[in-house]
Amino acid sequence: MSISRDTFEFVKANYGLRASWAIWTPAGVKPKSNMDDLSAFDSEDVLLKLQPNIILVGLNGSKAGVVNHPFQNFHSSGGGDYKIRYALEGTPVWGAYMTDIIKDFPEKESKNVVSYLRANPSVVTKNVMSFQQELQDVGADKPTIITFGGDAFNILEEVFGSDHGVLKVIHYS
């Protein structure tokens, strides 16, 4: 399943600074080479590679001010993002939609995020509602949701349970 140009442009305009797609240019000489090269999204056939029914979800963005261009999230030359590219290249998950369940809360330490969310459950509710809209906007229809780590899994499993087949993988960092 691919998406239309209109959907792609809508997602880019509305979620592009907080989300991305599991598509990267080839690694090059070093594993982290070309991680911040976003030219893969300019390709004419990019729409054929995108998979809105596979959703990869992190807990939150880890750094403020790092994402300045659409789809730059999960495409950083620093940190562990390159491990996602390495793990997904050549798999059926390549092209999945990538986002975080908690938006606009930059924090590197997930334990600090979890503590904040426990003290502020309305933040979880607000972000879950936003996430549900995001799934509709990308054209997801009964998607498989794969979380990076247990914290994102716990939030999404509680909300979606067996409706979407929420799966957990070890966090890449």
Protein backbone atom coordinates (compact mmCIF):
# COMPACT_ATOMS: atom_id res chain seq x y z
CA MET A 1 0.00 0.00 0.00
CA SER A 2 1.34 3.42 -0.89
CA ILE A 3 -0.02 6.90 -0.29
CA SER A 4 -1.14 9.70 -2.57
CA ARG A 5 0.89 12.83 -3.25
CA ASP A 6 -1.81 14.87 -1.46
CA THR A 7 -1.55 12.71 1.67
CA PHE A 8 2.25 12.87 1.55
CA GLU A 9 2.21 16.67 1.32
CA PHE A 10 -0.40 16.95 4.09
CA VAL A 11 1.65 14.73 6.40
CA LYS A 12 4.79 16.68 5.52
CA ALA A 13 3.13 20.01 6.31
CA ASN A 14 1.35 18.91 9.48
CA TYR A 15 3.64 16.28 11.02
CA GLY A 16 6.93 16.68 9.16
CA LEU A 17 8.82 18.27 12.04
CA ARG A 18 7.71 15.55 14.46
CA ALA A 19 7.56 12.43 12.31
CA SER A 20 9.13 10.76 9.30
CA TRP A 21 9.25 7.62 7.21
CA ALA A 22 11.66 4.69 7.47
CA ILE A 23 13.49 5.56 4.27
CA TRP A 24 17.10 6.70 4.07
CA THR A 25 19.76 7.12 1.44
CA PRO A 26 22.43 4.36 1.43
CA ALA A 27 24.96 4.43 4.28
CA GLY A 28 28.16 5.06 2.37
CA VAL A 29 31.60 4.57 3.94
CA LYS A 30 30.56 4.77 7.62
CA PRO A 31 27.37 3.48 9.26
CA LYS A 32 26.29 7.04 10.13
CA SER A 33 27.08 8.38 6.64
CA ASN A 34 24.20 10.15 4.91
CA MET A 35 21.82 9.80 7.88
CA ASP A 36 20.80 13.44 7.59
CA ASP A 37 20.46 13.29 3.79
CA LEU A 38 16.73 13.82 3.19
CA SER A 39 16.93 13.58 -0.61
CA ALA A 40 15.23 10.16 -0.52
CA PHE A 41 11.99 12.07 0.05
CA ASP A 42 12.48 14.01 -3.20
CA SER A 43 12.50 10.85 -5.32
CA GLU A 44 9.65 10.46 -7.80
CA ASP A 45 8.97 6.91 -6.62
CA VAL A 46 9.07 7.64 -2.86
CA LEU A 47 5.29 7.32 -2.60
CA LEU A 48 5.50 3.70 -3.75
CA LYS A 49 7.87 2.91 -0.86
CA LEU A 50 5.82 4.39 1.97
CA GLN A 51 3.79 2.08 4.20
CA PRO A 52 1.15 3.86 6.28
CA ASN A 53 -0.07 0.59 7.80
CA ILE A 54 3.20 -0.02 9.62
CA ILE A 55 3.77 2.54 12.34
CA LEU A 56 7.03 2.77 14.30
CA VAL A 57 6.58 4.71 17.54
CA GLY A 58 9.07 6.13 20.02
CA LEU A 59 8.16 7.61 23.37
CA ASN A 60 9.22 11.22 22.67
CA GLY A 61 11.73 13.31 20.82
CA SER A 62 14.97 13.41 22.76
CA LYS A 63 16.32 16.85 21.87
CA ALA A 64 14.79 20.28 21.41
CA GLY A 65 15.61 22.26 18.29
CA VAL A 66 17.27 19.39 16.42
CA VAL A 67 14.52 18.92 13.83
CA ASN A 68 14.42 21.91 11.50
CA HIS A 69 13.31 20.27 8.23
CA PRO A 70 10.34 18.04 7.39
CA PHE A 71 11.02 14.32 7.96
CA GLN A 72 14.33 15.03 9.72
CA ASN A 73 13.09 13.23 12.86
CA PHE A 74 14.76 9.79 13.04
CA HIS A 75 17.26 11.01 10.42
CA SER A 76 19.97 12.49 12.59
CA SER A 77 23.67 12.03 11.95
CA GLY A 78 24.23 11.93 15.71
CA GLY A 79 22.81 9.43 18.14
CA GLY A 80 21.53 5.99 17.35
CA ASP A 81 19.12 6.69 14.47
CA TYR A 82 21.49 4.94 12.05
CA LYS A 83 20.70 1.67 13.82
CA ILE A 84 17.12 1.91 12.62
CA ARG A 85 18.26 2.28 9.01
CA TYR A 86 20.62 -0.68 9.40
CA ALA A 87 17.95 -2.87 11.03
CA LEU A 88 15.19 -2.07 8.53
CA GLU A 89 17.01 -1.91 5.22
CA GLY A 90 15.80 -4.69 2.95
CA THR A 91 12.94 -5.70 5.27
CA PRO A 92 9.17 -5.40 4.80
CA VAL A 93 9.21 -2.61 7.43
CA TRP A 94 11.24 -0.28 5.17
CA GLY A 95 9.01 2.70 4.39
CA ALA A 96 7.00 2.53 7.64
CA TYR A 97 5.69 5.72 9.19
CA MET A 98 7.75 6.87 12.19
CA THR A 99 6.55 9.09 15.01
CA ASP A 100 6.54 9.56 18.77
CA ILE A 101 3.53 9.09 21.03
CA ILE A 102 4.41 12.11 23.18
CA LYS A 103 4.93 15.25 21.12
CA ASP A 104 6.64 18.49 22.07
CA PHE A 105 8.32 17.10 25.19
CA PRO A 106 12.04 16.91 24.39
CA GLU A 107 13.85 14.85 27.00
CA LYS A 108 16.70 12.41 26.57
CA GLU A 109 15.98 10.38 29.71
CA SER A 110 12.82 8.31 29.29
CA LYS A 111 12.48 7.88 33.07
CA ASN A 112 11.98 11.66 33.33
CA VAL A 113 9.29 11.51 30.65
CA VAL A 114 7.51 8.65 32.39
CA SER A 115 7.63 10.45 35.76
CA TYR A 116 6.15 13.55 34.18
CA LEU A 117 3.40 11.55 32.46
CA ARG A 118 2.45 9.78 35.70
CA ALA A 119 2.07 13.15 37.39
CA ASN A 120 0.19 14.59 34.38
CA PRO A 121 -2.11 11.89 32.94
CA SER A 122 -4.01 14.47 30.90
CA VAL A 123 -0.86 14.88 28.78
CA VAL A 124 -1.07 11.20 27.85
CA THR A 125 -4.76 11.51 26.99
CA LYS A 126 -4.14 14.58 24.81
CA ASN A 127 -1.25 12.92 22.97
CA VAL A 128 -3.14 9.66 22.43
CA MET A 129 -6.01 11.57 20.86
CA SER A 130 -3.54 13.44 18.66
CA PHE A 131 -1.87 10.14 17.71
CA GLN A 132 -5.23 8.66 16.68
CA GLN A 133 -5.81 11.64 14.39
CA GLU A 134 -2.27 11.28 13.03
CA LEU A 135 -2.98 7.65 12.10
CA GLN A 136 -6.08 8.73 10.19
CA ASP A 137 -4.19 11.53 8.47
CA VAL A 138 -1.44 9.21 7.18
CA GLY A 139 -4.10 6.84 5.86
CA ALA A 140 -3.45 4.00 8.29
CA ASP A 141 -6.13 1.32 8.24
CA LYS A 142 -5.77 -1.18 11.10
CA PRO A 143 -2.02 -0.64 11.23
CA THR A 144 0.60 -2.75 12.91
CA ILE A 145 2.16 -0.55 15.55
CA ILE A 146 5.75 -1.30 16.58
CA THR A 147 7.09 0.58 19.57
CA PHE A 148 10.68 1.39 20.35
CA GLY A 149 10.96 0.28 23.97
CA GLY A 150 8.62 -0.54 26.79
CA ASP A 151 7.44 2.94 27.75
CA ALA A 152 5.82 3.71 24.39
CA PHE A 153 4.50 0.14 24.32
CA ASN A 154 2.81 0.49 27.70
CA ILE A 155 0.94 3.62 26.60
CA LEU A 156 -0.17 2.21 23.26
CA GLU A 157 -0.97 -1.29 24.49
CA GLU A 158 -3.29 0.19 27.09
CA VAL A 159 -5.09 2.30 24.49
CA PHE A 160 -5.12 0.02 21.45
CA GLY A 161 -4.54 -3.46 22.84
CA SER A 162 -5.42 -6.11 20.32
CA ASP A 163 -7.15 -3.66 17.94
CA HIS A 164 -3.92 -2.80 16.16
CA GLY A 165 -1.49 -5.53 17.09
CA VAL A 166 0.87 -3.37 19.14
CA LEU A 167 4.36 -4.91 19.17
CA LYS A 168 7.45 -3.98 21.15
CA VAL A 169 11.09 -4.03 20.06
CA ILE A 170 14.11 -3.01 22.07
CA HIS A 171 14.85 0.69 21.81
CA TYR A 172 17.57 1.31 19.23
CA SER A 173 19.67 3.59 21.43
